[in-house]
Amino acid sequence: MARLCSVGLLLVDLYTGKKIMYPGGNELNVAVYASRLGNESGIIGVFGSDPSTAFLQAVLQAEHVDYSHSRYAEGPCANSTVKIVNGDRVFTGHNNGGVTGMFPIEITAEDEPYITSFDVVSTSTYGRMHPQQVQKLCSLGVPVAYDFSSSSPHSESFRCNVFLPIPRISAVLLLLFLFEAKFC
């Protein structure tokens, strides 16, 4: 069994036509799917002070994802607005990461033992971490899987500047290797 820690965005998708919300965001999704595959998982994110926080915490508890190292801030959780067009999801807006955008994750000395207890760490371009924090994450000695995504709220130069000096980009393959047996 592998242990995976996601670091970044805790988000809800607000479906405007249905007036319903779903948990989402790259980091939350990766942590939940790892848990569903029988792996131990945790997430470090930022919860807001709105009703979305209780909803996200209930989902993470039900999915057996540890969020004990997450932060709390005054303001809204990250959200995206979504509508269904011809059966497909169309993202129509977002709140720039909510409290995660306002207070991006900074890796603290208290986080380090927690993070290094995992086999792999996952984050993404949407995680709103500053490049120095991503580099710090990578310096902890745990392979880091990073999702560059196909579209980004950040510029191409931001994404390149984050990863040119980081030697652990091959960790994406490790993530696939760790969970390969579960997909067969």
Protein backbone atom coordinates (compact mmCIF):
# COMPACT_ATOMS: atom_id res chain seq x y z
CA MET A 1 0.00 0.00 0.00
CA ALA A 2 1.37 3.41 -0.97
CA ARG A 3 0.93 6.60 1.03
CA LEU A 4 0.09 9.79 -0.89
CA CYS A 5 -0.12 13.39 0.32
CA SER A 6 -1.67 16.10 -1.85
CA VAL A 7 -0.78 19.74 -1.24
CA GLY A 8 -2.87 22.57 -2.66
CA LEU A 9 -6.43 23.44 -3.55
CA LEU A 10 -9.58 22.40 -1.68
CA LEU A 11 -12.38 23.35 -4.05
CA VAL A 12 -16.08 23.00 -4.74
CA ASP A 13 -17.61 22.95 -8.21
CA LEU A 14 -20.87 24.91 -8.18
CA TYR A 15 -23.25 23.64 -10.86
CA THR A 16 -25.37 26.68 -11.61
CA GLY A 17 -28.20 24.98 -13.50
CA LYS A 18 -28.61 22.21 -10.94
CA LYS A 19 -27.95 24.37 -7.85
CA ILE A 20 -25.67 21.69 -6.43
CA MET A 21 -22.00 21.55 -5.49
CA TYR A 22 -19.44 18.78 -5.75
CA PRO A 23 -16.00 18.48 -4.17
CA GLY A 24 -13.18 18.98 -6.62
CA GLY A 25 -9.82 20.34 -7.49
CA ASN A 26 -6.79 18.39 -8.61
CA GLU A 27 -5.26 17.85 -5.19
CA LEU A 28 -8.53 16.81 -3.52
CA ASN A 29 -9.40 14.47 -6.41
CA VAL A 30 -5.97 12.79 -6.34
CA ALA A 31 -6.14 12.25 -2.57
CA VAL A 32 -9.68 10.83 -2.77
CA TYR A 33 -8.89 8.49 -5.67
CA ALA A 34 -5.73 7.24 -3.95
CA SER A 35 -7.82 6.44 -0.88
CA ARG A 36 -10.47 4.71 -2.97
CA LEU A 37 -7.73 2.51 -4.43
CA GLY A 38 -6.88 1.35 -0.92
CA ASN A 39 -3.97 3.67 -0.25
CA GLU A 40 -3.47 5.92 2.76
CA SER A 41 -3.84 9.55 1.76
CA GLY A 42 -3.75 13.02 3.22
CA ILE A 43 -4.15 16.57 2.00
CA ILE A 44 -2.77 19.93 3.05
CA GLY A 45 -4.99 22.74 1.85
CA VAL A 46 -6.72 25.89 3.06
CA PHE A 47 -10.31 25.75 4.32
CA GLY A 48 -12.39 28.91 4.30
CA SER A 49 -15.03 30.18 6.70
CA ASP A 50 -18.01 29.53 4.43
CA PRO A 51 -20.39 26.51 4.41
CA SER A 52 -18.20 24.79 1.78
CA THR A 53 -15.68 23.96 4.51
CA ALA A 54 -18.04 21.67 6.43
CA PHE A 55 -19.08 20.03 3.16
CA LEU A 56 -15.47 19.40 2.08
CA GLN A 57 -14.49 18.09 5.52
CA ALA A 58 -17.44 15.68 5.52
CA VAL A 59 -16.41 14.40 2.08
CA LEU A 60 -12.77 13.98 3.12
CA GLN A 61 -13.81 12.13 6.30
CA ALA A 62 -16.14 9.84 4.35
CA GLU A 63 -13.35 9.13 1.85
CA HIS A 64 -10.78 8.47 4.62
CA VAL A 65 -8.49 11.34 3.63
CA ASP A 66 -6.57 12.96 6.49
CA TYR A 67 -6.75 16.77 6.46
CA SER A 68 -5.28 17.38 9.93
CA HIS A 69 -2.46 19.54 8.57
CA SER A 70 -4.72 21.83 6.53
CA ARG A 71 -5.07 25.51 7.36
CA TYR A 72 -8.08 27.72 8.04
CA ALA A 73 -8.60 31.30 6.88
CA GLU A 74 -11.40 33.84 6.86
CA GLY A 75 -13.10 33.94 3.47
CA PRO A 76 -14.59 31.61 0.86
CA CYS A 77 -13.21 28.21 -0.11
CA ALA A 78 -12.03 27.92 -3.67
CA ASN A 79 -14.84 27.42 -6.13
CA SER A 80 -15.53 27.06 -9.81
CA THR A 81 -18.88 27.64 -11.45
CA VAL A 82 -19.92 25.00 -13.93
CA LYS A 83 -22.80 24.54 -16.34
CA ILE A 84 -23.71 21.58 -18.49
CA VAL A 85 -23.77 22.25 -22.23
CA ASN A 86 -24.73 19.37 -24.53
CA GLY A 87 -23.84 16.90 -21.78
CA ASP A 88 -20.35 18.35 -21.17
CA ARG A 89 -19.06 20.36 -18.22
CA VAL A 90 -18.23 23.96 -19.10
CA PHE A 91 -16.37 25.97 -16.48
CA THR A 92 -17.82 29.47 -16.50
CA GLY A 93 -15.92 31.14 -13.67
CA HIS A 94 -13.97 30.82 -10.45
CA ASN A 95 -13.00 32.85 -7.41
CA ASN A 96 -9.22 32.76 -8.01
CA GLY A 97 -8.67 30.00 -5.49
CA GLY A 98 -10.66 31.63 -2.67
CA VAL A 99 -8.69 31.52 0.58
CA THR A 100 -6.01 29.37 -1.07
CA GLY A 101 -5.43 32.16 -3.58
CA MET A 102 -5.35 34.74 -0.79
CA PHE A 103 -3.20 32.62 1.55
CA PRO A 104 -1.19 30.12 -0.54
CA ILE A 105 0.26 27.07 1.19
CA GLU A 106 3.63 27.62 2.82
CA ILE A 107 5.44 24.49 3.94
CA THR A 108 6.25 24.86 7.66
CA ALA A 109 8.66 22.98 9.92
CA GLU A 110 5.58 21.27 11.42
CA ASP A 111 4.52 20.06 7.96
CA GLU A 112 7.85 18.49 7.07
CA PRO A 113 7.62 15.30 9.21
CA TYR A 114 4.03 14.80 8.05
CA ILE A 115 4.93 15.21 4.37
CA THR A 116 8.03 13.02 4.59
CA SER A 117 5.96 10.21 6.13
CA PHE A 118 4.36 9.73 2.69
CA ASP A 119 5.74 7.82 -0.30
CA VAL A 120 4.79 10.48 -2.84
CA VAL A 121 3.40 14.03 -2.82
CA SER A 122 1.02 15.41 -5.42
CA THR A 123 0.36 19.03 -6.36
CA SER A 124 -0.52 20.97 -9.49
CA THR A 125 -0.36 24.27 -11.28
CA TYR A 126 -3.80 25.01 -9.80
CA GLY A 127 -2.54 24.43 -6.24
CA ARG A 128 -1.61 28.12 -5.97
CA MET A 129 1.77 27.38 -4.37
CA HIS A 130 4.53 29.89 -5.00
CA PRO A 131 7.55 28.49 -6.91
CA GLN A 132 9.78 28.68 -3.83
CA GLN A 133 7.28 26.56 -1.89
CA VAL A 134 7.10 23.96 -4.65
CA GLN A 135 10.89 23.84 -4.64
CA LYS A 136 10.86 23.47 -0.84
CA LEU A 137 8.35 20.63 -1.19
CA CYS A 138 10.66 18.93 -3.67
CA SER A 139 13.68 19.39 -1.42
CA LEU A 140 12.13 17.24 1.33
CA GLY A 141 13.27 14.04 -0.38
CA VAL A 142 9.83 12.67 -1.20
CA PRO A 143 9.06 12.27 -4.93
CA VAL A 144 6.67 14.99 -6.12
CA ALA A 145 4.09 14.36 -8.82
CA TYR A 146 3.16 17.67 -10.44
CA ASP A 147 0.23 18.19 -12.80
CA PHE A 148 0.99 21.00 -15.23
CA SER A 149 -2.56 20.74 -16.62
CA SER A 150 -3.61 21.60 -20.13
CA SER A 151 -4.65 25.13 -19.23
CA SER A 152 -3.49 27.21 -16.32
CA PRO A 153 -4.35 30.35 -14.41
CA HIS A 154 -0.59 31.00 -14.44
CA SER A 155 1.56 32.04 -17.36
CA GLU A 156 3.74 29.58 -19.25
CA SER A 157 6.82 31.33 -17.88
CA PHE A 158 5.59 30.71 -14.31
CA ARG A 159 5.21 27.01 -14.96
CA CYS A 160 8.64 26.75 -16.58
CA ASN A 161 10.37 28.78 -13.87
CA VAL A 162 8.98 26.50 -11.18
CA PHE A 163 10.39 23.34 -12.66
CA LEU A 164 13.61 24.11 -14.48
CA PRO A 165 15.68 23.80 -11.28
CA ILE A 166 13.74 20.88 -9.80
CA PRO A 167 15.23 17.43 -10.48
CA ARG A 168 12.22 15.40 -9.26
CA ILE A 169 9.89 15.87 -12.22
CA SER A 170 10.33 12.19 -13.10
CA ALA A 171 8.35 11.43 -9.93
CA VAL A 172 5.20 11.59 -12.06
CA LEU A 173 6.22 8.19 -13.40
CA LEU A 174 6.68 6.93 -9.86
CA LEU A 175 3.11 7.89 -9.01
CA LEU A 176 1.86 5.86 -11.96
CA PHE A 177 4.12 2.96 -10.97
CA LEU A 178 2.92 2.95 -7.36
CA PHE A 179 -0.71 2.64 -8.41
CA GLU A 180 -0.21 0.60 -11.60
CA ALA A 181 -1.22 -2.71 -10.03
CA LYS A 182 -4.52 -1.22 -8.89
CA PHE A 183 -5.52 -0.28 -12.44
CA CYS A 184 -4.86 -3.72 -14.00
